[in-house]
Amino acid sequence: LETNILHADMLARAVRPEVVEYRPGQNGTFTREWSLLNDSTAPE
């Protein structure tokens, strides 16, 4: 929750928060990949 619930302003296009994608594996594991949250409202 600390990586996925973030304090940021999604309307400020200069700010792109970093989130973590958790890909589940075997035996209770994850492989994490860090990404920038995309502003899908921007046309480009």
ModelCIF file with pLDDT and N, C-alpha, C, O atoms, coordinates in Angstrom:
data_MODEL
#
_entry.id   MODEL 
#
_entity.id                         1 
_entity.type                       polymer 
_entity.pdbx_number_of_molecules   1 
#
_entity_poly.entity_id                      1 
_entity_poly.type                           'polypeptide(L)' 
_entity_poly.nstd_linkage                   no 
_entity_poly.nstd_monomer                   no 
_entity_poly.pdbx_seq_one_letter_code       LETNILHADMLARAVRPEVVEYRPGQNGTFTREWSLLNDSTAPE 
_entity_poly.pdbx_seq_one_letter_code_can   LETNILHADMLARAVRPEVVEYRPGQNGTFTREWSLLNDSTAPE 
_entity_poly.pdbx_strand_id                 A 
#
loop_
_entity_poly_seq.entity_id 
_entity_poly_seq.num 
_entity_poly_seq.mon_id 
_entity_poly_seq.hetero 
1 1  LEU n 
1 2  GLU n 
1 3  THR n 
1 4  ASN n 
1 5  ILE n 
1 6  LEU n 
1 7  HIS n 
1 8  ALA n 
1 9  ASP n 
1 10 MET n 
1 11 LEU n 
1 12 ALA n 
1 13 ARG n 
1 14 ALA n 
1 15 VAL n 
1 16 ARG n 
1 17 PRO n 
1 18 GLU n 
1 19 VAL n 
1 20 VAL n 
1 21 GLU n 
1 22 TYR n 
1 23 ARG n 
1 24 PRO n 
1 25 GLY n 
1 26 GLN n 
1 27 ASN n 
1 28 GLY n 
1 29 THR n 
1 30 PHE n 
1 31 THR n 
1 32 ARG n 
1 33 GLU n 
1 34 TRP n 
1 35 SER n 
1 36 LEU n 
1 37 LEU n 
1 38 ASN n 
1 39 ASP n 
1 40 SER n 
1 41 THR n 
1 42 ALA n 
1 43 PRO n 
1 44 GLU n 
#
_struct_asym.id          A 
_struct_asym.entity_id   1 
#
loop_
_ma_qa_metric.id 
_ma_qa_metric.mode 
_ma_qa_metric.name 
_ma_qa_metric.software_group_id 
_ma_qa_metric.type 
1 global pLDDT . pLDDT 
2 local  pLDDT . pLDDT 
#
_ma_qa_metric_global.metric_id      1 
_ma_qa_metric_global.metric_value   83.00 
_ma_qa_metric_global.model_id       1 
_ma_qa_metric_global.ordinal_id     1 
#
loop_
_ma_qa_metric_local.label_asym_id 
_ma_qa_metric_local.label_comp_id 
_ma_qa_metric_local.label_seq_id 
_ma_qa_metric_local.metric_id 
_ma_qa_metric_local.metric_value 
_ma_qa_metric_local.model_id 
_ma_qa_metric_local.ordinal_id 
A LEU 1  2 97.00 1 1  
A GLU 2  2 97.00 1 2  
A THR 3  2 96.00 1 3  
A ASN 4  2 96.00 1 4  
A ILE 5  2 97.00 1 5  
A LEU 6  2 95.00 1 6  
A HIS 7  2 94.00 1 7  
A ALA 8  2 91.00 1 8  
A ASP 9  2 87.00 1 9  
A MET 10 2 81.00 1 10 
A LEU 11 2 76.00 1 11 
A ALA 12 2 70.00 1 12 
A ARG 13 2 62.00 1 13 
A ALA 14 2 57.00 1 14 
A VAL 15 2 67.00 1 15 
A ARG 16 2 77.00 1 16 
A PRO 17 2 86.00 1 17 
A GLU 18 2 88.00 1 18 
A VAL 19 2 90.00 1 19 
A VAL 20 2 94.00 1 20 
A GLU 21 2 95.00 1 21 
A TYR 22 2 96.00 1 22 
A ARG 23 2 96.00 1 23 
A PRO 24 2 95.00 1 24 
A GLY 25 2 95.00 1 25 
A GLN 26 2 93.00 1 26 
A ASN 27 2 93.00 1 27 
A GLY 28 2 95.00 1 28 
A THR 29 2 96.00 1 29 
A PHE 30 2 97.00 1 30 
A THR 31 2 97.00 1 31 
A ARG 32 2 97.00 1 32 
A GLU 33 2 96.00 1 33 
A TRP 34 2 94.00 1 34 
A SER 35 2 88.00 1 35 
A LEU 36 2 87.00 1 36 
A LEU 37 2 78.00 1 37 
A ASN 38 2 67.00 1 38 
A ASP 39 2 55.00 1 39 
A SER 40 2 51.00 1 40 
A THR 41 2 47.00 1 41 
A ALA 42 2 50.00 1 42 
A PRO 43 2 46.00 1 43 
A GLU 44 2 50.00 1 44 
#
loop_
_atom_site.group_PDB 
_atom_site.id 
_atom_site.type_symbol 
_atom_site.label_atom_id 
_atom_site.label_alt_id 
_atom_site.label_comp_id 
_atom_site.label_asym_id 
_atom_site.label_entity_id 
_atom_site.label_seq_id 
_atom_site.pdbx_PDB_ins_code 
_atom_site.Cartn_x 
_atom_site.Cartn_y 
_atom_site.Cartn_z 
_atom_site.occupancy 
_atom_site.B_iso_or_equiv 
_atom_site.pdbx_formal_charge 
_atom_site.auth_seq_id 
_atom_site.auth_comp_id 
_atom_site.auth_asym_id 
_atom_site.auth_atom_id 
_atom_site.pdbx_PDB_model_num 
ATOM 1   N N  . LEU A 1 1  ? 0.821  -1.216  0.000   1.00 97.00 ? 1  LEU A N  1 
ATOM 2   C CA . LEU A 1 1  ? 0.000  0.000   0.000   1.00 97.00 ? 1  LEU A CA 1 
ATOM 3   C C  . LEU A 1 1  ? 0.856  1.267   0.000   1.00 97.00 ? 1  LEU A C  1 
ATOM 4   O O  . LEU A 1 1  ? 0.434  2.296   -0.527  1.00 97.00 ? 1  LEU A O  1 
ATOM 5   N N  . GLU A 1 2  ? 2.036  1.202   0.577   1.00 97.00 ? 2  GLU A N  1 
ATOM 6   C CA . GLU A 1 2  ? 2.919  2.369   0.553   1.00 97.00 ? 2  GLU A CA 1 
ATOM 7   C C  . GLU A 1 2  ? 3.451  2.658   -0.844  1.00 97.00 ? 2  GLU A C  1 
ATOM 8   O O  . GLU A 1 2  ? 3.765  3.805   -1.161  1.00 97.00 ? 2  GLU A O  1 
ATOM 9   N N  . THR A 1 3  ? 3.555  1.623   -1.688  1.00 96.00 ? 3  THR A N  1 
ATOM 10  C CA . THR A 1 3  ? 4.013  1.850   -3.063  1.00 96.00 ? 3  THR A CA 1 
ATOM 11  C C  . THR A 1 3  ? 2.871  2.153   -4.019  1.00 96.00 ? 3  THR A C  1 
ATOM 12  O O  . THR A 1 3  ? 3.094  2.742   -5.077  1.00 96.00 ? 3  THR A O  1 
ATOM 13  N N  . ASN A 1 4  ? 1.646  1.760   -3.666  1.00 96.00 ? 4  ASN A N  1 
ATOM 14  C CA . ASN A 1 4  ? 0.534  1.868   -4.606  1.00 96.00 ? 4  ASN A CA 1 
ATOM 15  C C  . ASN A 1 4  ? -0.496 2.945   -4.269  1.00 96.00 ? 4  ASN A C  1 
ATOM 16  O O  . ASN A 1 4  ? -1.305 3.295   -5.128  1.00 96.00 ? 4  ASN A O  1 
ATOM 17  N N  . ILE A 1 5  ? -0.492 3.467   -3.075  1.00 97.00 ? 5  ILE A N  1 
ATOM 18  C CA . ILE A 1 5  ? -1.374 4.579   -2.701  1.00 97.00 ? 5  ILE A CA 1 
ATOM 19  C C  . ILE A 1 5  ? -0.455 5.766   -2.445  1.00 97.00 ? 5  ILE A C  1 
ATOM 20  O O  . ILE A 1 5  ? 0.256  5.813   -1.441  1.00 97.00 ? 5  ILE A O  1 
ATOM 21  N N  . LEU A 1 6  ? -0.481 6.727   -3.374  1.00 95.00 ? 6  LEU A N  1 
ATOM 22  C CA . LEU A 1 6  ? 0.559  7.758   -3.412  1.00 95.00 ? 6  LEU A CA 1 
ATOM 23  C C  . LEU A 1 6  ? 0.038  9.165   -3.203  1.00 95.00 ? 6  LEU A C  1 
ATOM 24  O O  . LEU A 1 6  ? -1.096 9.496   -3.550  1.00 95.00 ? 6  LEU A O  1 
ATOM 25  N N  . HIS A 1 7  ? 0.902  9.979   -2.624  1.00 94.00 ? 7  HIS A N  1 
ATOM 26  C CA . HIS A 1 7  ? 0.638  11.400  -2.458  1.00 94.00 ? 7  HIS A CA 1 
ATOM 27  C C  . HIS A 1 7  ? 1.236  12.129  -3.663  1.00 94.00 ? 7  HIS A C  1 
ATOM 28  O O  . HIS A 1 7  ? 2.455  12.262  -3.777  1.00 94.00 ? 7  HIS A O  1 
ATOM 29  N N  . ALA A 1 8  ? 0.371  12.595  -4.555  1.00 91.00 ? 8  ALA A N  1 
ATOM 30  C CA . ALA A 1 8  ? 0.819  13.298  -5.762  1.00 91.00 ? 8  ALA A CA 1 
ATOM 31  C C  . ALA A 1 8  ? -0.370 14.028  -6.370  1.00 91.00 ? 8  ALA A C  1 
ATOM 32  O O  . ALA A 1 8  ? -1.516 13.808  -5.978  1.00 91.00 ? 8  ALA A O  1 
ATOM 33  N N  . ASP A 1 9  ? -0.087 14.887  -7.320  1.00 87.00 ? 9  ASP A N  1 
ATOM 34  C CA . ASP A 1 9  ? -1.118 15.638  -8.030  1.00 87.00 ? 9  ASP A CA 1 
ATOM 35  C C  . ASP A 1 9  ? -1.182 15.132  -9.464  1.00 87.00 ? 9  ASP A C  1 
ATOM 36  O O  . ASP A 1 9  ? -0.295 15.419  -10.268 1.00 87.00 ? 9  ASP A O  1 
ATOM 37  N N  . MET A 1 10 ? -2.225 14.382  -9.784  1.00 81.00 ? 10 MET A N  1 
ATOM 38  C CA . MET A 1 10 ? -2.347 13.810  -11.123 1.00 81.00 ? 10 MET A CA 1 
ATOM 39  C C  . MET A 1 10 ? -2.660 14.865  -12.184 1.00 81.00 ? 10 MET A C  1 
ATOM 40  O O  . MET A 1 10 ? -2.528 14.596  -13.378 1.00 81.00 ? 10 MET A O  1 
ATOM 41  N N  . LEU A 1 11 ? -3.074 16.064  -11.759 1.00 76.00 ? 11 LEU A N  1 
ATOM 42  C CA . LEU A 1 11 ? -3.356 17.120  -12.729 1.00 76.00 ? 11 LEU A CA 1 
ATOM 43  C C  . LEU A 1 11 ? -2.099 17.881  -13.123 1.00 76.00 ? 11 LEU A C  1 
ATOM 44  O O  . LEU A 1 11 ? -2.077 18.550  -14.155 1.00 76.00 ? 11 LEU A O  1 
ATOM 45  N N  . ALA A 1 12 ? -1.063 17.784  -12.316 1.00 70.00 ? 12 ALA A N  1 
ATOM 46  C CA . ALA A 1 12 ? 0.199  18.452  -12.637 1.00 70.00 ? 12 ALA A CA 1 
ATOM 47  C C  . ALA A 1 12 ? 1.002  17.545  -13.546 1.00 70.00 ? 12 ALA A C  1 
ATOM 48  O O  . ALA A 1 12 ? 1.578  16.560  -13.084 1.00 70.00 ? 12 ALA A O  1 
ATOM 49  N N  . ARG A 1 13 ? 1.051  17.858  -14.817 1.00 62.00 ? 13 ARG A N  1 
ATOM 50  C CA . ARG A 1 13 ? 1.679  16.975  -15.802 1.00 62.00 ? 13 ARG A CA 1 
ATOM 51  C C  . ARG A 1 13 ? 3.179  16.802  -15.588 1.00 62.00 ? 13 ARG A C  1 
ATOM 52  O O  . ARG A 1 13 ? 3.782  15.857  -16.097 1.00 62.00 ? 13 ARG A O  1 
ATOM 53  N N  . ALA A 1 14 ? 3.778  17.722  -14.830 1.00 57.00 ? 14 ALA A N  1 
ATOM 54  C CA . ALA A 1 14 ? 5.215  17.592  -14.576 1.00 57.00 ? 14 ALA A CA 1 
ATOM 55  C C  . ALA A 1 14 ? 5.496  16.463  -13.577 1.00 57.00 ? 14 ALA A C  1 
ATOM 56  O O  . ALA A 1 14 ? 6.628  15.989  -13.479 1.00 57.00 ? 14 ALA A O  1 
ATOM 57  N N  . VAL A 1 15 ? 4.469  16.035  -12.841 1.00 67.00 ? 15 VAL A N  1 
ATOM 58  C CA . VAL A 1 15 ? 4.652  15.021  -11.811 1.00 67.00 ? 15 VAL A CA 1 
ATOM 59  C C  . VAL A 1 15 ? 4.106  13.689  -12.321 1.00 67.00 ? 15 VAL A C  1 
ATOM 60  O O  . VAL A 1 15 ? 2.927  13.580  -12.657 1.00 67.00 ? 15 VAL A O  1 
ATOM 61  N N  . ARG A 1 16 ? 4.972  12.678  -12.376 1.00 77.00 ? 16 ARG A N  1 
ATOM 62  C CA . ARG A 1 16 ? 4.549  11.335  -12.770 1.00 77.00 ? 16 ARG A CA 1 
ATOM 63  C C  . ARG A 1 16 ? 5.003  10.384  -11.676 1.00 77.00 ? 16 ARG A C  1 
ATOM 64  O O  . ARG A 1 16 ? 6.164  9.976   -11.647 1.00 77.00 ? 16 ARG A O  1 
ATOM 65  N N  . PRO A 1 17 ? 4.100  10.031  -10.784 1.00 86.00 ? 17 PRO A N  1 
ATOM 66  C CA . PRO A 1 17 ? 4.491  9.192   -9.648  1.00 86.00 ? 17 PRO A CA 1 
ATOM 67  C C  . PRO A 1 17 ? 4.996  7.817   -10.079 1.00 86.00 ? 17 PRO A C  1 
ATOM 68  O O  . PRO A 1 17 ? 4.568  7.254   -11.086 1.00 86.00 ? 17 PRO A O  1 
ATOM 69  N N  . GLU A 1 18 ? 5.915  7.308   -9.283  1.00 88.00 ? 18 GLU A N  1 
ATOM 70  C CA . GLU A 1 18 ? 6.455  5.973   -9.532  1.00 88.00 ? 18 GLU A CA 1 
ATOM 71  C C  . GLU A 1 18 ? 5.637  4.961   -8.729  1.00 88.00 ? 18 GLU A C  1 
ATOM 72  O O  . GLU A 1 18 ? 5.425  5.131   -7.529  1.00 88.00 ? 18 GLU A O  1 
ATOM 73  N N  . VAL A 1 19 ? 5.185  3.919   -9.402  1.00 90.00 ? 19 VAL A N  1 
ATOM 74  C CA . VAL A 1 19 ? 4.425  2.844   -8.756  1.00 90.00 ? 19 VAL A CA 1 
ATOM 75  C C  . VAL A 1 19 ? 5.138  1.521   -9.010  1.00 90.00 ? 19 VAL A C  1 
ATOM 76  O O  . VAL A 1 19 ? 6.073  1.437   -9.806  1.00 90.00 ? 19 VAL A O  1 
ATOM 77  N N  . VAL A 1 20 ? 4.676  0.510   -8.322  1.00 94.00 ? 20 VAL A N  1 
ATOM 78  C CA . VAL A 1 20 ? 5.265  -0.818  -8.452  1.00 94.00 ? 20 VAL A CA 1 
ATOM 79  C C  . VAL A 1 20 ? 4.204  -1.770  -8.973  1.00 94.00 ? 20 VAL A C  1 
ATOM 80  O O  . VAL A 1 20 ? 3.083  -1.814  -8.464  1.00 94.00 ? 20 VAL A O  1 
ATOM 81  N N  . GLU A 1 21 ? 4.573  -2.531  -9.995  1.00 95.00 ? 21 GLU A N  1 
ATOM 82  C CA . GLU A 1 21 ? 3.711  -3.596  -10.475 1.00 95.00 ? 21 GLU A CA 1 
ATOM 83  C C  . GLU A 1 21 ? 4.221  -4.895  -9.862  1.00 95.00 ? 21 GLU A C  1 
ATOM 84  O O  . GLU A 1 21 ? 5.398  -5.235  -9.977  1.00 95.00 ? 21 GLU A O  1 
ATOM 85  N N  . TYR A 1 22 ? 3.318  -5.605  -9.216  1.00 96.00 ? 22 TYR A N  1 
ATOM 86  C CA . TYR A 1 22 ? 3.665  -6.848  -8.527  1.00 96.00 ? 22 TYR A CA 1 
ATOM 87  C C  . TYR A 1 22 ? 3.228  -8.020  -9.389  1.00 96.00 ? 22 TYR A C  1 
ATOM 88  O O  . TYR A 1 22 ? 2.033  -8.243  -9.581  1.00 96.00 ? 22 TYR A O  1 
ATOM 89  N N  . ARG A 1 23 ? 4.201  -8.777  -9.913  1.00 96.00 ? 23 ARG A N  1 
ATOM 90  C CA . ARG A 1 23 ? 3.882  -9.950  -10.729 1.00 96.00 ? 23 ARG A CA 1 
ATOM 91  C C  . ARG A 1 23 ? 4.042  -11.193 -9.862  1.00 96.00 ? 23 ARG A C  1 
ATOM 92  O O  . ARG A 1 23 ? 5.146  -11.495 -9.407  1.00 96.00 ? 23 ARG A O  1 
ATOM 93  N N  . PRO A 1 24 ? 2.943  -11.918 -9.629  1.00 95.00 ? 24 PRO A N  1 
ATOM 94  C CA . PRO A 1 24 ? 3.013  -13.064 -8.717  1.00 95.00 ? 24 PRO A CA 1 
ATOM 95  C C  . PRO A 1 24 ? 3.816  -14.215 -9.300  1.00 95.00 ? 24 PRO A C  1 
ATOM 96  O O  . PRO A 1 24 ? 3.812  -14.469 -10.504 1.00 95.00 ? 24 PRO A O  1 
ATOM 97  N N  . GLY A 1 25 ? 4.503  -14.897 -8.398  1.00 95.00 ? 25 GLY A N  1 
ATOM 98  C CA . GLY A 1 25 ? 5.263  -16.087 -8.770  1.00 95.00 ? 25 GLY A CA 1 
ATOM 99  C C  . GLY A 1 25 ? 4.841  -17.255 -7.895  1.00 95.00 ? 25 GLY A C  1 
ATOM 100 O O  . GLY A 1 25 ? 3.775  -17.226 -7.281  1.00 95.00 ? 25 GLY A O  1 
ATOM 101 N N  . GLN A 1 26 ? 5.665  -18.266 -7.841  1.00 93.00 ? 26 GLN A N  1 
ATOM 102 C CA . GLN A 1 26 ? 5.366  -19.459 -7.058  1.00 93.00 ? 26 GLN A CA 1 
ATOM 103 C C  . GLN A 1 26 ? 5.816  -19.291 -5.618  1.00 93.00 ? 26 GLN A C  1 
ATOM 104 O O  . GLN A 1 26 ? 6.665  -18.456 -5.305  1.00 93.00 ? 26 GLN A O  1 
ATOM 105 N N  . ASN A 1 27 ? 5.237  -20.095 -4.759  1.00 93.00 ? 27 ASN A N  1 
ATOM 106 C CA . ASN A 1 27 ? 5.633  -20.170 -3.342  1.00 93.00 ? 27 ASN A CA 1 
ATOM 107 C C  . ASN A 1 27 ? 5.558  -18.823 -2.626  1.00 93.00 ? 27 ASN A C  1 
ATOM 108 O O  . ASN A 1 27 ? 6.435  -18.499 -1.825  1.00 93.00 ? 27 ASN A O  1 
ATOM 109 N N  . GLY A 1 28 ? 4.532  -18.047 -2.904  1.00 95.00 ? 28 GLY A N  1 
ATOM 110 C CA . GLY A 1 28 ? 4.319  -16.792 -2.183  1.00 95.00 ? 28 GLY A CA 1 
ATOM 111 C C  . GLY A 1 28 ? 5.176  -15.635 -2.635  1.00 95.00 ? 28 GLY A C  1 
ATOM 112 O O  . GLY A 1 28 ? 5.328  -14.665 -1.892  1.00 95.00 ? 28 GLY A O  1 
ATOM 113 N N  . THR A 1 29 ? 5.743  -15.699 -3.828  1.00 96.00 ? 29 THR A N  1 
ATOM 114 C CA . THR A 1 29 ? 6.667  -14.652 -4.264  1.00 96.00 ? 29 THR A CA 1 
ATOM 115 C C  . THR A 1 29 ? 6.034  -13.684 -5.268  1.00 96.00 ? 29 THR A C  1 
ATOM 116 O O  . THR A 1 29 ? 4.990  -13.950 -5.864  1.00 96.00 ? 29 THR A O  1 
ATOM 117 N N  . PHE A 1 30 ? 6.712  -12.563 -5.421  1.00 97.00 ? 30 PHE A N  1 
ATOM 118 C CA . PHE A 1 30 ? 6.414  -11.560 -6.435  1.00 97.00 ? 30 PHE A CA 1 
ATOM 119 C C  . PHE A 1 30 ? 7.713  -11.166 -7.118  1.00 97.00 ? 30 PHE A C  1 
ATOM 120 O O  . PHE A 1 30 ? 8.787  -11.250 -6.521  1.00 97.00 ? 30 PHE A O  1 
ATOM 121 N N  . THR A 1 31 ? 7.613  -10.738 -8.366  1.00 97.00 ? 31 THR A N  1 
ATOM 122 C CA . THR A 1 31 ? 8.696  -10.018 -9.022  1.00 97.00 ? 31 THR A CA 1 
ATOM 123 C C  . THR A 1 31 ? 8.148  -8.625  -9.270  1.00 97.00 ? 31 THR A C  1 
ATOM 124 O O  . THR A 1 31 ? 7.150  -8.457  -9.972  1.00 97.00 ? 31 THR A O  1 
ATOM 125 N N  . ARG A 1 32 ? 8.800  -7.633  -8.695  1.00 97.00 ? 32 ARG A N  1 
ATOM 126 C CA . ARG A 1 32 ? 8.320  -6.258  -8.789  1.00 97.00 ? 32 ARG A CA 1 
ATOM 127 C C  . ARG A 1 32 ? 9.007  -5.523  -9.933  1.00 97.00 ? 32 ARG A C  1 
ATOM 128 O O  . ARG A 1 32 ? 10.181 -5.746  -10.227 1.00 97.00 ? 32 ARG A O  1 
ATOM 129 N N  . GLU A 1 33 ? 8.243  -4.642  -10.567 1.00 96.00 ? 33 GLU A N  1 
ATOM 130 C CA . GLU A 1 33 ? 8.794  -3.787  -11.622 1.00 96.00 ? 33 GLU A CA 1 
ATOM 131 C C  . GLU A 1 33 ? 8.296  -2.368  -11.375 1.00 96.00 ? 33 GLU A C  1 
ATOM 132 O O  . GLU A 1 33 ? 7.094  -2.132  -11.255 1.00 96.00 ? 33 GLU A O  1 
ATOM 133 N N  . TRP A 1 34 ? 9.228  -1.436  -11.303 1.00 94.00 ? 34 TRP A N  1 
ATOM 134 C CA . TRP A 1 34 ? 8.900  -0.044  -11.035 1.00 94.00 ? 34 TRP A CA 1 
ATOM 135 C C  . TRP A 1 34 ? 8.562  0.662   -12.345 1.00 94.00 ? 34 TRP A C  1 
ATOM 136 O O  . TRP A 1 34 ? 9.244  0.484   -13.355 1.00 94.00 ? 34 TRP A O  1 
ATOM 137 N N  . SER A 1 35 ? 7.495  1.468   -12.314 1.00 88.00 ? 35 SER A N  1 
ATOM 138 C CA . SER A 1 35 ? 7.037  2.186   -13.499 1.00 88.00 ? 35 SER A CA 1 
ATOM 139 C C  . SER A 1 35 ? 6.587  3.584   -13.103 1.00 88.00 ? 35 SER A C  1 
ATOM 140 O O  . SER A 1 35 ? 6.369  3.878   -11.927 1.00 88.00 ? 35 SER A O  1 
ATOM 141 N N  . LEU A 1 36 ? 6.454  4.433   -14.107 1.00 87.00 ? 36 LEU A N  1 
ATOM 142 C CA . LEU A 1 36 ? 5.891  5.762   -13.882 1.00 87.00 ? 36 LEU A CA 1 
ATOM 143 C C  . LEU A 1 36 ? 4.413  5.710   -14.218 1.00 87.00 ? 36 LEU A C  1 
ATOM 144 O O  . LEU A 1 36 ? 4.017  5.162   -15.247 1.00 87.00 ? 36 LEU A O  1 
ATOM 145 N N  . LEU A 1 37 ? 3.610  6.279   -13.351 1.00 78.00 ? 37 LEU A N  1 
ATOM 146 C CA . LEU A 1 37 ? 2.173  6.305   -13.584 1.00 78.00 ? 37 LEU A CA 1 
ATOM 147 C C  . LEU A 1 37 ? 1.884  7.224   -14.745 1.00 78.00 ? 37 LEU A C  1 
ATOM 148 O O  . LEU A 1 37 ? 2.346  8.364   -14.783 1.00 78.00 ? 37 LEU A O  1 
ATOM 149 N N  . ASN A 1 38 ? 1.130  6.729   -15.675 1.00 67.00 ? 38 ASN A N  1 
ATOM 150 C CA . ASN A 1 38 ? 0.852  7.432   -16.913 1.00 67.00 ? 38 ASN A CA 1 
ATOM 151 C C  . ASN A 1 38 ? -0.381 8.318   -16.771 1.00 67.00 ? 38 ASN A C  1 
ATOM 152 O O  . ASN A 1 38 ? -1.362 7.926   -16.139 1.00 67.00 ? 38 ASN A O  1 
ATOM 153 N N  . ASP A 1 39 ? -0.332 9.493   -17.350 1.00 55.00 ? 39 ASP A N  1 
ATOM 154 C CA . ASP A 1 39 ? -1.509 10.350  -17.441 1.00 55.00 ? 39 ASP A CA 1 
ATOM 155 C C  . ASP A 1 39 ? -2.197 10.040  -18.764 1.00 55.00 ? 39 ASP A C  1 
ATOM 156 O O  . ASP A 1 39 ? -1.846 10.604  -19.801 1.00 55.00 ? 39 ASP A O  1 
ATOM 157 N N  . SER A 1 40 ? -3.168 9.149   -18.723 1.00 51.00 ? 40 SER A N  1 
ATOM 158 C CA . SER A 1 40 ? -3.792 8.679   -19.957 1.00 51.00 ? 40 SER A CA 1 
ATOM 159 C C  . SER A 1 40 ? -4.682 9.736   -20.599 1.00 51.00 ? 40 SER A C  1 
ATOM 160 O O  . SER A 1 40 ? -5.166 9.534   -21.713 1.00 51.00 ? 40 SER A O  1 
ATOM 161 N N  . THR A 1 41 ? -4.910 10.867  -19.916 1.00 47.00 ? 41 THR A N  1 
ATOM 162 C CA . THR A 1 41 ? -5.720 11.923  -20.520 1.00 47.00 ? 41 THR A CA 1 
ATOM 163 C C  . THR A 1 41 ? -4.900 12.772  -21.475 1.00 47.00 ? 41 THR A C  1 
ATOM 164 O O  . THR A 1 41 ? -5.463 13.499  -22.293 1.00 47.00 ? 41 THR A O  1 
ATOM 165 N N  . ALA A 1 42 ? -3.568 12.690  -21.383 1.00 50.00 ? 42 ALA A N  1 
ATOM 166 C CA . ALA A 1 42 ? -2.720 13.476  -22.277 1.00 50.00 ? 42 ALA A CA 1 
ATOM 167 C C  . ALA A 1 42 ? -2.731 12.834  -23.664 1.00 50.00 ? 42 ALA A C  1 
ATOM 168 O O  . ALA A 1 42 ? -2.509 11.628  -23.772 1.00 50.00 ? 42 ALA A O  1 
ATOM 169 N N  . PRO A 1 43 ? -2.986 13.608  -24.736 1.00 46.00 ? 43 PRO A N  1 
ATOM 170 C CA . PRO A 1 43 ? -3.115 13.011  -26.066 1.00 46.00 ? 43 PRO A CA 1 
ATOM 171 C C  . PRO A 1 43 ? -1.840 12.372  -26.600 1.00 46.00 ? 43 PRO A C  1 
ATOM 172 O O  . PRO A 1 43 ? -1.914 11.474  -27.439 1.00 46.00 ? 43 PRO A O  1 
ATOM 173 N N  . GLU A 1 44 ? -0.670 12.814  -26.134 1.00 50.00 ? 44 GLU A N  1 
ATOM 174 C CA . GLU A 1 44 ? 0.573  12.270  -26.677 1.00 50.00 ? 44 GLU A CA 1 
ATOM 175 C C  . GLU A 1 44 ? 1.013  10.993  -25.969 1.00 50.00 ? 44 GLU A C  1 
ATOM 176 O O  . GLU A 1 44 ? 2.045  10.419  -26.317 1.00 50.00 ? 44 GLU A O  1 
#
